[in-house]
């Protein structure tokens, strides 16, 4: 039992780590995330499940009101054989807006992402993260149904031997009479997949 624990610990060190008892290979991030808020707990797909799609919680334009744009990201996870139950996971989300319809890879899994972020406007109405794009292992790129403020930054690294299997979000809480931005940044976790799959 001690030797098994040592092997598992070595695997965790070499390949990334454990989260919710699931071994992950690496963590994907981008450099243009918003500056406000706190990082919340990681939420992982079940063992042998990988993210095949996503949906967004988005608040539409508020006119003269306080815009928050992107509030949440939900992953849709499926097992290797893609049959049966689809499991959803999300880290913390903001309070505003509704969920968009789910978008799915065509036969692949999510492997990389790009975040659309509005830079601080200085005394104006900040929104921080507005939208997201994902790249699938089957090559298509999926763009969320978010808002159009700001610009896309560079792509994250890619899950080269697997797919996205977890999520962690940075969200600013309610500001009362102040300027709300909701979701500011996100990180995704990569898990290895079996070699005989895409």
C-alpha atoms as a PDB file:
ATOM      1  CA  UNK A   1       0.000   0.000   0.000  1.00  0.00           C
ATOM      2  CA  UNK A   2       2.885   2.341   0.832  1.00  0.00           C
ATOM      3  CA  UNK A   3       4.558   1.668  -2.539  1.00  0.00           C
ATOM      4  CA  UNK A   4       1.276   2.324  -4.382  1.00  0.00           C
ATOM      5  CA  UNK A   5       0.907   5.642  -2.559  1.00  0.00           C
ATOM      6  CA  UNK A   6       4.485   6.560  -3.486  1.00  0.00           C
ATOM      7  CA  UNK A   7       3.839   5.748  -7.160  1.00  0.00           C
ATOM      8  CA  UNK A   8       0.635   7.791  -7.189  1.00  0.00           C
ATOM      9  CA  UNK A   9       2.398  10.717  -5.531  1.00  0.00           C
ATOM     10  CA  UNK A  10       5.233  10.542  -8.090  1.00  0.00           C
ATOM     11  CA  UNK A  11       2.690  10.454 -10.923  1.00  0.00           C
ATOM     12  CA  UNK A  12       0.958  13.512  -9.479  1.00  0.00           C
ATOM     13  CA  UNK A  13       4.226  15.433  -9.270  1.00  0.00           C
ATOM     14  CA  UNK A  14       5.285  14.487 -12.805  1.00  0.00           C
ATOM     15  CA  UNK A  15       1.950  15.016 -14.485  1.00  0.00           C
ATOM     16  CA  UNK A  16       0.361  17.991 -12.731  1.00  0.00           C
ATOM     17  CA  UNK A  17      -1.483  16.972  -9.598  1.00  0.00           C
ATOM     18  CA  UNK A  18      -4.666  15.643  -8.072  1.00  0.00           C
ATOM     19  CA  UNK A  19      -7.927  17.545  -7.768  1.00  0.00           C
ATOM     20  CA  UNK A  20     -11.052  15.988  -6.303  1.00  0.00           C
ATOM     21  CA  UNK A  21      -9.159  12.672  -6.459  1.00  0.00           C
ATOM     22  CA  UNK A  22      -8.645  13.020 -10.220  1.00  0.00           C
ATOM     23  CA  UNK A  23      -5.181  13.131 -11.737  1.00  0.00           C
ATOM     24  CA  UNK A  24      -4.669  16.070 -14.103  1.00  0.00           C
ATOM     25  CA  UNK A  25      -1.787  16.749 -16.490  1.00  0.00           C
ATOM     26  CA  UNK A  26      -1.668  20.559 -16.648  1.00  0.00           C
ATOM     27  CA  UNK A  27      -3.570  23.805 -16.104  1.00  0.00           C
ATOM     28  CA  UNK A  28      -4.510  26.063 -19.033  1.00  0.00           C
ATOM     29  CA  UNK A  29      -4.518  29.845 -18.534  1.00  0.00           C
ATOM     30  CA  UNK A  30      -4.358  33.056 -20.561  1.00  0.00           C
ATOM     31  CA  UNK A  31      -2.577  36.334 -19.836  1.00  0.00           C
ATOM     32  CA  UNK A  32      -5.400  38.817 -20.477  1.00  0.00           C
ATOM     33  CA  UNK A  33      -7.832  37.907 -17.677  1.00  0.00           C
ATOM     34  CA  UNK A  34      -9.516  40.667 -15.657  1.00  0.00           C
ATOM     35  CA  UNK A  35      -7.974  41.972 -12.430  1.00  0.00           C
ATOM     36  CA  UNK A  36     -10.954  41.904 -10.063  1.00  0.00           C
ATOM     37  CA  UNK A  37     -12.412  39.169  -7.903  1.00  0.00           C
ATOM     38  CA  UNK A  38     -11.263  35.967  -6.234  1.00  0.00           C
ATOM     39  CA  UNK A  39     -10.392  32.498  -7.468  1.00  0.00           C
ATOM     40  CA  UNK A  40     -12.949  29.856  -6.486  1.00  0.00           C
ATOM     41  CA  UNK A  41     -12.828  26.078  -6.139  1.00  0.00           C
ATOM     42  CA  UNK A  42     -11.888  23.780  -8.983  1.00  0.00           C
ATOM     43  CA  UNK A  43     -14.728  21.615 -10.287  1.00  0.00           C
ATOM     44  CA  UNK A  44     -13.765  18.461 -12.198  1.00  0.00           C
ATOM     45  CA  UNK A  45     -15.580  16.194 -14.633  1.00  0.00           C
ATOM     46  CA  UNK A  46     -16.042  12.662 -13.254  1.00  0.00           C
ATOM     47  CA  UNK A  47     -13.232  10.165 -13.820  1.00  0.00           C
ATOM     48  CA  UNK A  48     -12.941   9.185 -17.521  1.00  0.00           C
ATOM     49  CA  UNK A  49     -15.192  12.102 -18.532  1.00  0.00           C
ATOM     50  CA  UNK A  50     -13.927  15.023 -20.641  1.00  0.00           C
ATOM     51  CA  UNK A  51     -15.464  18.327 -21.687  1.00  0.00           C
ATOM     52  CA  UNK A  52     -17.164  18.013 -25.077  1.00  0.00           C
ATOM     53  CA  UNK A  53     -19.103  21.284 -24.941  1.00  0.00           C
ATOM     54  CA  UNK A  54     -19.983  24.369 -22.932  1.00  0.00           C
ATOM     55  CA  UNK A  55     -22.570  27.062 -22.265  1.00  0.00           C
ATOM     56  CA  UNK A  56     -22.228  30.580 -20.855  1.00  0.00           C
ATOM     57  CA  UNK A  57     -24.133  32.679 -18.352  1.00  0.00           C
ATOM     58  CA  UNK A  58     -24.381  36.104 -20.004  1.00  0.00           C
ATOM     59  CA  UNK A  59     -26.041  39.364 -19.036  1.00  0.00           C
ATOM     60  CA  UNK A  60     -27.075  41.331 -22.114  1.00  0.00           C
ATOM     61  CA  UNK A  61     -26.396  45.033 -22.575  1.00  0.00           C
ATOM     62  CA  UNK A  62     -27.964  47.184 -19.841  1.00  0.00           C
ATOM     63  CA  UNK A  63     -28.083  50.498 -21.711  1.00  0.00           C
ATOM     64  CA  UNK A  64     -27.305  53.158 -19.108  1.00  0.00           C
ATOM     65  CA  UNK A  65     -27.176  50.487 -16.379  1.00  0.00           C
ATOM     66  CA  UNK A  66     -24.259  48.454 -15.057  1.00  0.00           C
ATOM     67  CA  UNK A  67     -23.033  45.846 -17.567  1.00  0.00           C
ATOM     68  CA  UNK A  68     -21.392  42.629 -16.361  1.00  0.00           C
ATOM     69  CA  UNK A  69     -21.381  40.612 -19.629  1.00  0.00           C
ATOM     70  CA  UNK A  70     -19.904  37.127 -18.989  1.00  0.00           C
ATOM     71  CA  UNK A  71     -20.980  35.751 -15.603  1.00  0.00           C
ATOM     72  CA  UNK A  72     -20.356  32.004 -15.795  1.00  0.00           C
ATOM     73  CA  UNK A  73     -19.021  29.049 -17.802  1.00  0.00           C
ATOM     74  CA  UNK A  74     -20.483  25.542 -17.646  1.00  0.00           C
ATOM     75  CA  UNK A  75     -18.697  22.492 -19.056  1.00  0.00           C
ATOM     76  CA  UNK A  76     -20.559  19.523 -20.519  1.00  0.00           C
ATOM     77  CA  UNK A  77     -18.611  16.345 -19.801  1.00  0.00           C
ATOM     78  CA  UNK A  78     -19.053  12.934 -21.422  1.00  0.00           C
ATOM     79  CA  UNK A  79     -17.427   9.536 -21.029  1.00  0.00           C
ATOM     80  CA  UNK A  80     -14.918   8.158 -23.530  1.00  0.00           C
ATOM     81  CA  UNK A  81     -17.556   6.267 -25.512  1.00  0.00           C
ATOM     82  CA  UNK A  82     -19.876   9.343 -25.597  1.00  0.00           C
ATOM     83  CA  UNK A  83     -22.902   7.184 -24.780  1.00  0.00           C
ATOM     84  CA  UNK A  84     -25.306   7.837 -21.953  1.00  0.00           C
ATOM     85  CA  UNK A  85     -25.179  10.511 -19.294  1.00  0.00           C
ATOM     86  CA  UNK A  86     -23.664  13.963 -19.880  1.00  0.00           C
ATOM     87  CA  UNK A  87     -22.413  15.564 -16.651  1.00  0.00           C
ATOM     88  CA  UNK A  88     -22.173  19.349 -16.180  1.00  0.00           C
ATOM     89  CA  UNK A  89     -19.650  21.178 -13.999  1.00  0.00           C
ATOM     90  CA  UNK A  90     -19.062  24.842 -13.254  1.00  0.00           C
ATOM     91  CA  UNK A  91     -16.975  26.781 -10.778  1.00  0.00           C
ATOM     92  CA  UNK A  92     -18.410  29.916  -9.163  1.00  0.00           C
ATOM     93  CA  UNK A  93     -20.588  32.153 -11.379  1.00  0.00           C
ATOM     94  CA  UNK A  94     -21.799  35.729 -11.173  1.00  0.00           C
ATOM     95  CA  UNK A  95     -25.389  36.646 -10.291  1.00  0.00           C
ATOM     96  CA  UNK A  96     -26.684  38.131 -13.530  1.00  0.00           C
ATOM     97  CA  UNK A  97     -27.942  36.943 -16.882  1.00  0.00           C
ATOM     98  CA  UNK A  98     -29.175  33.654 -18.281  1.00  0.00           C
ATOM     99  CA  UNK A  99     -27.523  30.523 -19.668  1.00  0.00           C
ATOM    100  CA  UNK A 100     -27.015  30.228 -23.415  1.00  0.00           C
ATOM    101  CA  UNK A 101     -27.695  27.031 -25.324  1.00  0.00           C
ATOM    102  CA  UNK A 102     -24.918  24.438 -25.192  1.00  0.00           C
ATOM    103  CA  UNK A 103     -22.357  24.187 -27.986  1.00  0.00           C
ATOM    104  CA  UNK A 104     -20.541  20.896 -28.657  1.00  0.00           C
ATOM    105  CA  UNK A 105     -17.424  19.665 -30.415  1.00  0.00           C
ATOM    106  CA  UNK A 106     -18.083  17.505 -33.463  1.00  0.00           C
ATOM    107  CA  UNK A 107     -16.626  14.217 -32.310  1.00  0.00           C
ATOM    108  CA  UNK A 108     -13.807  15.644 -30.184  1.00  0.00           C
ATOM    109  CA  UNK A 109     -13.117  17.226 -26.812  1.00  0.00           C
ATOM    110  CA  UNK A 110     -12.242  20.779 -25.745  1.00  0.00           C
ATOM    111  CA  UNK A 111      -8.459  21.262 -25.755  1.00  0.00           C
ATOM    112  CA  UNK A 112      -7.640  25.024 -25.608  1.00  0.00           C
ATOM    113  CA  UNK A 113      -9.320  28.398 -25.072  1.00  0.00           C
ATOM    114  CA  UNK A 114      -9.136  32.112 -25.801  1.00  0.00           C
ATOM    115  CA  UNK A 115     -10.781  34.807 -23.650  1.00  0.00           C
ATOM    116  CA  UNK A 116     -12.355  38.074 -24.784  1.00  0.00           C
ATOM    117  CA  UNK A 117     -11.730  40.730 -22.118  1.00  0.00           C
ATOM    118  CA  UNK A 118     -12.443  44.440 -21.899  1.00  0.00           C
ATOM    119  CA  UNK A 119      -9.487  46.328 -20.408  1.00  0.00           C
ATOM    120  CA  UNK A 120     -10.258  48.623 -17.433  1.00  0.00           C
ATOM    121  CA  UNK A 121     -12.069  51.712 -18.699  1.00  0.00           C
ATOM    122  CA  UNK A 122     -11.055  54.033 -15.849  1.00  0.00           C
ATOM    123  CA  UNK A 123     -14.078  55.480 -14.057  1.00  0.00           C
ATOM    124  CA  UNK A 124     -16.525  53.968 -16.565  1.00  0.00           C
ATOM    125  CA  UNK A 125     -18.554  50.761 -16.700  1.00  0.00           C
ATOM    126  CA  UNK A 126     -16.122  47.824 -16.540  1.00  0.00           C
ATOM    127  CA  UNK A 127     -17.202  44.378 -17.736  1.00  0.00           C
ATOM    128  CA  UNK A 128     -13.914  42.370 -17.667  1.00  0.00           C
ATOM    129  CA  UNK A 129     -14.486  38.982 -19.400  1.00  0.00           C
ATOM    130  CA  UNK A 130     -17.058  39.104 -22.202  1.00  0.00           C
ATOM    131  CA  UNK A 131     -16.790  35.924 -24.254  1.00  0.00           C
ATOM    132  CA  UNK A 132     -14.746  32.761 -24.867  1.00  0.00           C
ATOM    133  CA  UNK A 133     -13.583  30.559 -27.722  1.00  0.00           C
ATOM    134  CA  UNK A 134     -12.648  26.883 -27.450  1.00  0.00           C
ATOM    135  CA  UNK A 135     -10.633  24.725 -29.801  1.00  0.00           C
ATOM    136  CA  UNK A 136     -11.736  21.098 -30.203  1.00  0.00           C
ATOM    137  CA  UNK A 137      -9.498  18.074 -30.768  1.00  0.00           C
ATOM    138  CA  UNK A 138     -11.546  17.444 -33.930  1.00  0.00           C
ATOM    139  CA  UNK A 139     -10.277  20.882 -35.142  1.00  0.00           C
ATOM    140  CA  UNK A 140     -13.336  23.175 -35.109  1.00  0.00           C
ATOM    141  CA  UNK A 141     -13.284  26.353 -33.034  1.00  0.00           C
ATOM    142  CA  UNK A 142     -16.413  27.159 -31.010  1.00  0.00           C
ATOM    143  CA  UNK A 143     -17.244  30.740 -29.996  1.00  0.00           C
ATOM    144  CA  UNK A 144     -19.593  31.456 -27.122  1.00  0.00           C
ATOM    145  CA  UNK A 145     -22.687  33.630 -27.293  1.00  0.00           C
ATOM    146  CA  UNK A 146     -21.184  36.317 -25.070  1.00  0.00           C
ATOM    147  CA  UNK A 147     -20.864  40.077 -25.477  1.00  0.00           C
ATOM    148  CA  UNK A 148     -18.628  41.996 -27.881  1.00  0.00           C
ATOM    149  CA  UNK A 149     -16.733  44.424 -25.667  1.00  0.00           C
ATOM    150  CA  UNK A 150     -12.967  44.144 -25.468  1.00  0.00           C
ATOM    151  CA  UNK A 151     -10.595  41.968 -27.447  1.00  0.00           C
ATOM    152  CA  UNK A 152      -9.501  38.358 -27.610  1.00  0.00           C
ATOM    153  CA  UNK A 153      -6.059  37.671 -26.207  1.00  0.00           C
ATOM    154  CA  UNK A 154      -3.764  34.833 -27.222  1.00  0.00           C
ATOM    155  CA  UNK A 155      -4.667  31.170 -27.083  1.00  0.00           C
ATOM    156  CA  UNK A 156      -3.865  29.101 -24.041  1.00  0.00           C
ATOM    157  CA  UNK A 157      -1.591  26.104 -24.319  1.00  0.00           C
ATOM    158  CA  UNK A 158      -3.267  22.946 -25.656  1.00  0.00           C
ATOM    159  CA  UNK A 159      -4.157  19.677 -23.954  1.00  0.00           C
ATOM    160  CA  UNK A 160      -1.922  17.664 -26.292  1.00  0.00           C
ATOM    161  CA  UNK A 161      -2.515  14.190 -24.849  1.00  0.00           C
ATOM    162  CA  UNK A 162      -6.078  14.591 -23.695  1.00  0.00           C
ATOM    163  CA  UNK A 163      -8.807  17.102 -23.068  1.00  0.00           C
ATOM    164  CA  UNK A 164     -10.187  19.668 -20.680  1.00  0.00           C
ATOM    165  CA  UNK A 165     -11.555  17.980 -17.568  1.00  0.00           C
ATOM    166  CA  UNK A 166     -12.025  20.791 -15.011  1.00  0.00           C
ATOM    167  CA  UNK A 167     -12.623  24.482 -14.453  1.00  0.00           C
ATOM    168  CA  UNK A 168     -11.737  27.211 -11.951  1.00  0.00           C
ATOM    169  CA  UNK A 169     -13.118  30.765 -12.203  1.00  0.00           C
ATOM    170  CA  UNK A 170     -12.153  34.189 -10.881  1.00  0.00           C
ATOM    171  CA  UNK A 171     -15.314  36.136 -10.040  1.00  0.00           C
ATOM    172  CA  UNK A 172     -15.917  39.520  -8.457  1.00  0.00           C
ATOM    173  CA  UNK A 173     -18.745  39.514  -5.907  1.00  0.00           C
ATOM    174  CA  UNK A 174     -21.582  42.035  -5.718  1.00  0.00           C
ATOM    175  CA  UNK A 175     -20.330  45.615  -5.375  1.00  0.00           C
ATOM    176  CA  UNK A 176     -23.538  47.104  -3.981  1.00  0.00           C
ATOM    177  CA  UNK A 177     -23.772  50.574  -5.503  1.00  0.00           C
ATOM    178  CA  UNK A 178     -20.386  50.115  -7.232  1.00  0.00           C
ATOM    179  CA  UNK A 179     -19.411  48.791 -10.640  1.00  0.00           C
ATOM    180  CA  UNK A 180     -19.947  45.013 -11.029  1.00  0.00           C
ATOM    181  CA  UNK A 181     -17.827  42.939 -13.409  1.00  0.00           C
ATOM    182  CA  UNK A 182     -18.745  39.328 -12.417  1.00  0.00           C
ATOM    183  CA  UNK A 183     -16.471  36.777 -14.184  1.00  0.00           C
ATOM    184  CA  UNK A 184     -12.944  38.092 -14.770  1.00  0.00           C
ATOM    185  CA  UNK A 185     -10.776  35.076 -15.584  1.00  0.00           C
ATOM    186  CA  UNK A 186     -10.813  31.285 -15.887  1.00  0.00           C
ATOM    187  CA  UNK A 187      -8.436  28.321 -15.788  1.00  0.00           C
ATOM    188  CA  UNK A 188      -9.060  24.885 -17.235  1.00  0.00           C
ATOM    189  CA  UNK A 189      -7.525  21.556 -16.245  1.00  0.00           C
ATOM    190  CA  UNK A 190      -6.199  18.958 -18.720  1.00  0.00           C
ATOM    191  CA  UNK A 191      -6.485  15.207 -18.146  1.00  0.00           C
ATOM    192  CA  UNK A 192      -4.897  12.486 -20.293  1.00  0.00           C
ATOM    193  CA  UNK A 193      -7.091  10.282 -22.441  1.00  0.00           C
ATOM    194  CA  UNK A 194      -6.599   6.713 -23.637  1.00  0.00           C
ATOM    195  CA  UNK A 195      -4.314   6.438 -26.656  1.00  0.00           C
ATOM    196  CA  UNK A 196      -6.909   4.711 -28.860  1.00  0.00           C
ATOM    197  CA  UNK A 197      -9.232   7.743 -28.742  1.00  0.00           C
ATOM    198  CA  UNK A 198      -9.031  11.110 -30.526  1.00  0.00           C
END
